């Protein structure tokens, strides 16, 4: 399984979760776990996803999510789980 971490941060607005989840479904990415909060009007979401079944290259998936973020006014980042875990240990 190719686990990846997706983070989404931005001003809260209607449809953020729907847009991100639609993009992932269309890319054949399975959401394994999701957590979201709204703090003082700012939306924060972290997702753990299985990217092993997507036909998109990792960089194409990452670029697509970043482009979606620009369209909806959020910052969306995709990281491989092993990179994310390594960064947390530093």
N, C-alpha and C. Protein backbone atom coordinates (compact mmCIF):
# COMPACT_ATOMS: atom_id res chain seq x y z
N UNK A 1 0.85 -1.19 0.00
CA UNK A 1 0.00 0.00 0.00
C UNK A 1 0.89 1.24 0.00
N UNK A 2 0.57 2.20 -0.83
CA UNK A 2 1.30 3.46 -0.90
C UNK A 2 0.55 4.53 -0.13
N UNK A 3 0.87 4.67 1.16
CA UNK A 3 0.18 5.68 1.97
C UNK A 3 0.81 7.05 1.75
N UNK A 4 -0.07 8.05 1.71
CA UNK A 4 0.34 9.44 1.56
C UNK A 4 -0.46 10.30 2.52
N UNK A 5 0.11 11.44 2.86
CA UNK A 5 -0.53 12.40 3.75
C UNK A 5 -0.89 13.64 2.94
N UNK A 6 -2.14 14.07 3.07
CA UNK A 6 -2.60 15.29 2.39
C UNK A 6 -3.00 16.28 3.48
N UNK A 7 -2.50 17.50 3.36
CA UNK A 7 -2.91 18.56 4.28
C UNK A 7 -3.57 19.68 3.48
N UNK A 8 -4.62 20.23 4.06
CA UNK A 8 -5.37 21.32 3.43
C UNK A 8 -5.57 22.42 4.47
N UNK A 9 -5.16 23.63 4.13
CA UNK A 9 -5.31 24.77 5.05
C UNK A 9 -5.82 25.96 4.26
N UNK A 10 -6.80 26.66 4.82
CA UNK A 10 -7.30 27.86 4.16
C UNK A 10 -8.47 28.45 4.91
N UNK A 11 -8.95 29.59 4.44
CA UNK A 11 -10.13 30.23 5.00
C UNK A 11 -11.31 29.29 4.81
N UNK A 12 -12.11 29.12 5.85
CA UNK A 12 -13.25 28.21 5.77
C UNK A 12 -14.27 28.70 4.74
N UNK A 13 -14.78 27.77 3.97
CA UNK A 13 -15.83 28.05 2.98
C UNK A 13 -16.55 26.76 2.64
N UNK A 14 -17.70 26.88 2.08
CA UNK A 14 -18.50 25.72 1.70
C UNK A 14 -17.81 24.95 0.58
N UNK A 15 -17.75 23.63 0.71
CA UNK A 15 -17.33 22.77 -0.40
C UNK A 15 -15.88 22.33 -0.42
N UNK A 16 -15.07 22.73 0.55
CA UNK A 16 -13.65 22.34 0.51
C UNK A 16 -13.51 20.82 0.54
N UNK A 17 -14.15 20.18 1.52
CA UNK A 17 -14.03 18.73 1.64
C UNK A 17 -14.58 18.05 0.38
N UNK A 18 -15.71 18.51 -0.10
CA UNK A 18 -16.31 17.92 -1.29
C UNK A 18 -15.39 18.01 -2.50
N UNK A 19 -14.77 19.16 -2.71
CA UNK A 19 -13.90 19.34 -3.88
C UNK A 19 -12.66 18.45 -3.79
N UNK A 20 -12.05 18.40 -2.61
CA UNK A 20 -10.85 17.58 -2.45
C UNK A 20 -11.20 16.10 -2.60
N UNK A 21 -12.28 15.66 -1.96
CA UNK A 21 -12.68 14.26 -2.04
C UNK A 21 -13.09 13.86 -3.46
N UNK A 22 -13.72 14.75 -4.19
CA UNK A 22 -14.07 14.47 -5.58
C UNK A 22 -12.82 14.29 -6.42
N UNK A 23 -11.85 15.18 -6.25
CA UNK A 23 -10.58 15.06 -6.98
C UNK A 23 -9.93 13.71 -6.68
N UNK A 24 -9.89 13.33 -5.41
CA UNK A 24 -9.26 12.07 -5.02
C UNK A 24 -10.01 10.87 -5.60
N UNK A 25 -11.34 10.90 -5.54
CA UNK A 25 -12.13 9.79 -6.10
C UNK A 25 -11.89 9.65 -7.60
N UNK A 26 -11.86 10.78 -8.31
CA UNK A 26 -11.61 10.75 -9.75
C UNK A 26 -10.20 10.27 -10.07
N UNK A 27 -9.28 10.37 -9.11
CA UNK A 27 -7.90 9.93 -9.29
C UNK A 27 -7.68 8.51 -8.75
N UNK A 28 -8.76 7.87 -8.29
CA UNK A 28 -8.71 6.51 -7.75
C UNK A 28 -7.81 6.43 -6.51
N UNK A 29 -7.93 7.43 -5.65
CA UNK A 29 -7.20 7.48 -4.38
C UNK A 29 -8.20 7.21 -3.27
N UNK A 30 -7.88 6.25 -2.41
CA UNK A 30 -8.76 5.87 -1.31
C UNK A 30 -8.39 6.64 -0.04
N UNK A 31 -9.38 7.24 0.60
CA UNK A 31 -9.17 7.94 1.86
C UNK A 31 -9.27 6.93 2.99
N UNK A 32 -8.19 6.79 3.75
CA UNK A 32 -8.15 5.83 4.86
C UNK A 32 -8.56 6.47 6.18
N UNK A 33 -8.21 7.73 6.36
CA UNK A 33 -8.53 8.45 7.59
C UNK A 33 -8.57 9.93 7.28
N UNK A 34 -9.43 10.64 7.98
CA UNK A 34 -9.57 12.07 7.74
C UNK A 34 -9.89 12.78 9.05
N UNK A 35 -9.26 13.92 9.24
CA UNK A 35 -9.50 14.75 10.41
C UNK A 35 -9.56 16.20 9.94
N UNK A 36 -10.58 16.93 10.41
CA UNK A 36 -10.67 18.33 10.03
C UNK A 36 -11.17 19.15 11.19
N UNK A 37 -10.68 20.37 11.26
CA UNK A 37 -11.11 21.31 12.28
C UNK A 37 -11.22 22.70 11.66
N UNK A 38 -11.96 23.53 12.32
CA UNK A 38 -12.05 24.94 11.95
C UNK A 38 -11.67 25.73 13.19
N UNK A 39 -10.64 26.55 13.07
CA UNK A 39 -10.15 27.36 14.17
C UNK A 39 -10.20 28.82 13.76
N UNK A 40 -11.03 29.59 14.44
CA UNK A 40 -11.13 31.03 14.19
C UNK A 40 -11.32 31.35 12.70
N UNK A 41 -12.16 30.55 12.03
CA UNK A 41 -12.48 30.80 10.63
C UNK A 41 -11.52 30.18 9.63
N UNK A 42 -10.51 29.45 10.12
CA UNK A 42 -9.56 28.79 9.23
C UNK A 42 -9.78 27.29 9.24
N UNK A 43 -9.85 26.72 8.06
CA UNK A 43 -10.10 25.29 7.87
C UNK A 43 -8.76 24.55 7.82
N UNK A 44 -8.68 23.46 8.57
CA UNK A 44 -7.49 22.61 8.59
C UNK A 44 -7.93 21.16 8.42
N UNK A 45 -7.33 20.45 7.48
CA UNK A 45 -7.68 19.05 7.27
C UNK A 45 -6.42 18.24 7.01
N UNK A 46 -6.39 17.05 7.57
CA UNK A 46 -5.31 16.11 7.31
C UNK A 46 -5.95 14.78 6.92
N UNK A 47 -5.45 14.20 5.85
CA UNK A 47 -5.98 12.94 5.36
C UNK A 47 -4.84 11.95 5.19
N UNK A 48 -5.11 10.70 5.52
CA UNK A 48 -4.19 9.62 5.18
C UNK A 48 -4.87 8.85 4.06
N UNK A 49 -4.16 8.70 2.95
CA UNK A 49 -4.74 8.10 1.75
C UNK A 49 -3.88 6.97 1.22
N UNK A 50 -4.54 6.06 0.52
CA UNK A 50 -3.84 5.00 -0.21
C UNK A 50 -3.76 5.43 -1.67
N UNK A 51 -2.55 5.72 -2.13
CA UNK A 51 -2.36 6.18 -3.51
C UNK A 51 -1.85 5.07 -4.43
N UNK A 52 -1.86 3.84 -3.95
CA UNK A 52 -1.29 2.75 -4.74
C UNK A 52 -2.12 2.37 -5.98
N UNK A 53 -3.39 2.73 -6.02
CA UNK A 53 -4.24 2.34 -7.15
C UNK A 53 -4.43 3.44 -8.19
N UNK A 54 -3.87 4.62 -7.94
CA UNK A 54 -4.04 5.70 -8.91
C UNK A 54 -3.18 5.44 -10.14
N UNK A 55 -3.65 5.89 -11.28
CA UNK A 55 -2.86 5.76 -12.50
C UNK A 55 -2.02 7.02 -12.75
N UNK A 56 -2.11 7.99 -11.84
CA UNK A 56 -1.33 9.22 -11.98
C UNK A 56 0.02 9.06 -11.29
N UNK A 57 1.03 9.67 -11.88
CA UNK A 57 2.34 9.73 -11.22
C UNK A 57 2.19 10.58 -9.96
N UNK A 58 3.02 10.31 -8.96
CA UNK A 58 2.93 11.02 -7.69
C UNK A 58 3.02 12.53 -7.89
N UNK A 59 3.95 12.97 -8.73
CA UNK A 59 4.13 14.41 -8.96
C UNK A 59 2.90 15.01 -9.66
N UNK A 60 2.28 14.26 -10.55
CA UNK A 60 1.07 14.75 -11.23
C UNK A 60 -0.08 14.87 -10.23
N UNK A 61 -0.18 13.92 -9.33
CA UNK A 61 -1.21 13.97 -8.29
C UNK A 61 -0.97 15.17 -7.37
N UNK A 62 0.28 15.36 -6.97
CA UNK A 62 0.64 16.49 -6.12
C UNK A 62 0.35 17.82 -6.81
N UNK A 63 0.75 17.94 -8.07
CA UNK A 63 0.49 19.17 -8.84
C UNK A 63 -1.00 19.42 -9.00
N UNK A 64 -1.77 18.37 -9.23
CA UNK A 64 -3.22 18.51 -9.38
C UNK A 64 -3.87 19.01 -8.10
N UNK A 65 -3.41 18.49 -6.96
CA UNK A 65 -3.95 18.95 -5.68
C UNK A 65 -3.55 20.41 -5.41
N UNK A 66 -2.32 20.77 -5.74
CA UNK A 66 -1.90 22.17 -5.55
C UNK A 66 -2.71 23.11 -6.43
N UNK A 67 -2.98 22.69 -7.65
CA UNK A 67 -3.80 23.51 -8.56
C UNK A 67 -5.23 23.64 -8.03
N UNK A 68 -5.79 22.55 -7.54
CA UNK A 68 -7.11 22.60 -6.93
C UNK A 68 -7.11 23.57 -5.76
N UNK A 69 -6.06 23.51 -4.94
CA UNK A 69 -5.94 24.44 -3.82
C UNK A 69 -5.97 25.89 -4.26
N UNK A 70 -5.25 26.20 -5.33
CA UNK A 70 -5.26 27.58 -5.85
C UNK A 70 -6.68 27.99 -6.27
N UNK A 71 -7.41 27.07 -6.88
CA UNK A 71 -8.77 27.38 -7.34
C UNK A 71 -9.73 27.64 -6.19
N UNK A 72 -9.54 26.93 -5.08
CA UNK A 72 -10.48 27.06 -3.97
C UNK A 72 -9.93 27.92 -2.82
N UNK A 73 -8.76 28.50 -3.01
CA UNK A 73 -8.20 29.41 -2.01
C UNK A 73 -7.58 28.72 -0.81
N UNK A 74 -7.03 27.54 -1.01
CA UNK A 74 -6.39 26.78 0.07
C UNK A 74 -4.99 26.36 -0.34
N UNK A 75 -4.21 25.97 0.63
CA UNK A 75 -2.90 25.36 0.36
C UNK A 75 -3.07 23.87 0.58
N UNK A 76 -2.82 23.09 -0.47
CA UNK A 76 -2.94 21.63 -0.39
C UNK A 76 -1.59 21.03 -0.69
N UNK A 77 -1.13 20.18 0.22
CA UNK A 77 0.17 19.51 0.06
C UNK A 77 -0.01 18.01 0.15
N UNK A 78 0.73 17.29 -0.68
CA UNK A 78 0.74 15.83 -0.69
C UNK A 78 2.15 15.37 -0.37
N UNK A 79 2.28 14.46 0.59
CA UNK A 79 3.59 13.92 0.95
C UNK A 79 3.47 12.41 1.11
N UNK A 80 4.50 11.71 0.71
CA UNK A 80 4.55 10.29 0.97
C UNK A 80 4.66 10.08 2.48
N UNK A 81 4.04 9.04 2.97
CA UNK A 81 4.03 8.78 4.42
C UNK A 81 5.44 8.70 5.00
N UNK A 82 6.34 8.03 4.31
CA UNK A 82 7.69 7.87 4.87
C UNK A 82 8.44 9.21 4.96
N UNK A 83 8.19 10.11 4.03
CA UNK A 83 8.80 11.45 4.09
C UNK A 83 8.20 12.23 5.25
N UNK A 84 6.87 12.17 5.37
CA UNK A 84 6.18 12.87 6.45
C UNK A 84 6.69 12.40 7.81
N UNK A 85 6.81 11.07 7.98
CA UNK A 85 7.29 10.53 9.25
C UNK A 85 8.73 10.96 9.53
N UNK A 86 9.57 10.97 8.51
CA UNK A 86 10.95 11.40 8.68
C UNK A 86 11.04 12.85 9.10
N UNK A 87 10.22 13.70 8.51
CA UNK A 87 10.21 15.11 8.86
C UNK A 87 9.76 15.33 10.30
N UNK A 88 8.84 14.50 10.78
CA UNK A 88 8.34 14.65 12.14
C UNK A 88 9.39 14.23 13.18
N UNK A 89 10.34 13.38 12.78
CA UNK A 89 11.37 12.91 13.69
C UNK A 89 12.50 13.93 13.84
N UNK A 90 12.65 14.83 12.90
CA UNK A 90 13.77 15.78 12.92
C UNK A 90 13.57 16.83 13.99
